Amino acid sequence: MSEYMTAEQGWVAISRHPRTGIGVAPVLWWELDEHGIKPLIKEPDGLMVEPGPHTRDVVRATPKAAFLLAAGYELEALVDRAVTDREFELIEEVRQLIKRAWRDG
């Protein structure tokens, strides 16, 4: 039998889908059962479900920190696809912007 606890504010599930890109969904509930603890997010149709298979992280973060972490995952995907020097130069520029935004916090 499962028990449910309301998640404290700030918990998010960050996903990176190959086709649709990055997603950040608030964790609204925790499900506790004999298998452990699972985060639950709300689907567009209103159902509470576990984050999907493309979930990279479930973290407690400020909105800015969650955004920057998601941007880092997107940047990682761009690096995997980049082939030209210009693409790598642009990736480095974006990396510096993310780094500056994190530092200036």
Protein backbone atom coordinates (compact mmCIF):
# COMPACT_ATOMS: atom_id res chain seq x y z
CA MET A 1 0.00 0.00 0.00
CA SER A 2 1.26 3.44 -0.89
CA GLU A 3 1.40 6.55 1.23
CA TYR A 4 1.50 10.04 -0.25
CA MET A 5 3.22 13.18 1.01
CA THR A 6 2.96 16.67 -0.40
CA ALA A 7 6.30 17.78 -1.85
CA GLU A 8 7.83 20.91 -0.45
CA GLN A 9 8.06 23.85 -2.81
CA GLY A 10 11.06 23.87 -5.13
CA TRP A 11 11.25 20.19 -6.09
CA VAL A 12 11.37 19.71 -9.88
CA ALA A 13 11.90 16.92 -12.37
CA ILE A 14 14.17 17.93 -15.24
CA SER A 15 13.92 15.89 -18.42
CA ARG A 16 15.64 15.92 -21.78
CA HIS A 17 13.74 14.23 -24.61
CA PRO A 18 15.60 13.71 -27.91
CA ARG A 19 12.71 15.15 -29.96
CA THR A 20 10.98 17.66 -27.70
CA GLY A 21 13.98 18.98 -25.77
CA ILE A 22 14.15 20.09 -22.17
CA GLY A 23 11.29 20.02 -19.69
CA VAL A 24 11.02 21.17 -16.08
CA ALA A 25 8.00 19.93 -14.13
CA PRO A 26 7.24 20.65 -10.47
CA VAL A 27 7.13 17.62 -8.18
CA LEU A 28 3.81 17.92 -6.37
CA TRP A 29 3.70 14.68 -4.38
CA TRP A 30 5.95 11.89 -3.15
CA GLU A 31 4.69 8.30 -3.26
CA LEU A 32 6.12 6.01 -0.57
CA ASP A 33 5.69 2.26 -1.00
CA GLU A 34 7.58 -1.00 -0.51
CA HIS A 35 9.82 -0.10 -3.50
CA GLY A 36 10.95 3.26 -2.13
CA ILE A 37 10.08 6.89 -2.74
CA LYS A 38 8.90 8.19 -6.13
CA PRO A 39 8.27 11.77 -7.21
CA LEU A 40 4.92 12.50 -8.84
CA ILE A 41 4.27 15.24 -11.38
CA LYS A 42 1.01 16.32 -13.02
CA GLU A 43 0.45 15.36 -16.67
CA PRO A 44 -1.42 17.78 -18.97
CA ASP A 45 -4.58 15.67 -18.53
CA GLY A 46 -4.38 16.13 -14.75
CA LEU A 47 -3.15 12.67 -13.76
CA MET A 48 -0.36 12.41 -11.19
CA VAL A 49 2.43 10.21 -12.60
CA GLU A 50 6.10 9.42 -12.14
CA PRO A 51 8.42 11.47 -14.36
CA GLY A 52 9.14 9.72 -17.66
CA PRO A 53 12.15 7.73 -18.80
CA HIS A 54 13.94 10.82 -20.12
CA THR A 55 14.18 12.38 -16.64
CA ARG A 56 17.74 13.49 -15.92
CA ASP A 57 17.33 14.83 -12.37
CA VAL A 58 14.87 15.35 -9.57
CA VAL A 59 16.21 18.21 -7.46
CA ARG A 60 15.13 20.88 -5.05
CA ALA A 61 16.19 24.20 -6.53
CA THR A 62 15.26 27.81 -6.96
CA PRO A 63 13.53 28.54 -10.27
CA LYS A 64 16.73 30.13 -11.58
CA ALA A 65 18.91 27.17 -10.56
CA ALA A 66 16.46 24.71 -12.14
CA PHE A 67 16.46 26.75 -15.35
CA LEU A 68 20.27 26.87 -15.44
CA LEU A 69 20.54 23.13 -14.82
CA ALA A 70 18.04 22.49 -17.63
CA ALA A 71 19.99 24.85 -19.90
CA GLY A 72 23.16 22.89 -19.10
CA TYR A 73 21.49 19.65 -20.19
CA GLU A 74 20.37 21.30 -23.42
CA LEU A 75 23.90 22.58 -23.97
CA GLU A 76 25.21 19.06 -23.43
CA ALA A 77 22.87 17.81 -26.17
CA LEU A 78 24.10 20.54 -28.52
CA VAL A 79 27.70 19.47 -27.91
CA ASP A 80 26.77 15.91 -28.85
CA ARG A 81 25.38 17.13 -32.20
CA ALA A 82 27.94 19.84 -33.06
CA VAL A 83 30.37 19.22 -35.91
CA THR A 84 31.67 22.56 -37.14
CA ASP A 85 34.07 24.95 -35.46
CA ARG A 86 31.40 27.68 -35.58
CA GLU A 87 28.93 25.46 -33.73
CA PHE A 88 31.51 24.79 -31.02
CA GLU A 89 32.28 28.53 -30.78
CA LEU A 90 28.59 29.32 -30.29
CA ILE A 91 28.29 26.56 -27.69
CA GLU A 92 31.21 28.08 -25.80
CA GLU A 93 29.52 31.49 -25.86
CA VAL A 94 26.34 30.01 -24.41
CA ARG A 95 28.36 28.11 -21.80
CA GLN A 96 29.94 31.37 -20.70
CA LEU A 97 26.50 33.01 -20.43
CA ILE A 98 25.23 30.16 -18.25
CA LYS A 99 28.35 30.29 -16.12
CA ARG A 100 28.00 34.07 -15.66
CA ALA A 101 24.29 33.78 -14.80
CA TRP A 102 25.08 31.14 -12.18
CA ARG A 103 27.91 33.19 -10.67
CA ASP A 104 25.89 36.42 -10.61
CA GLY A 105 23.13 34.48 -8.91
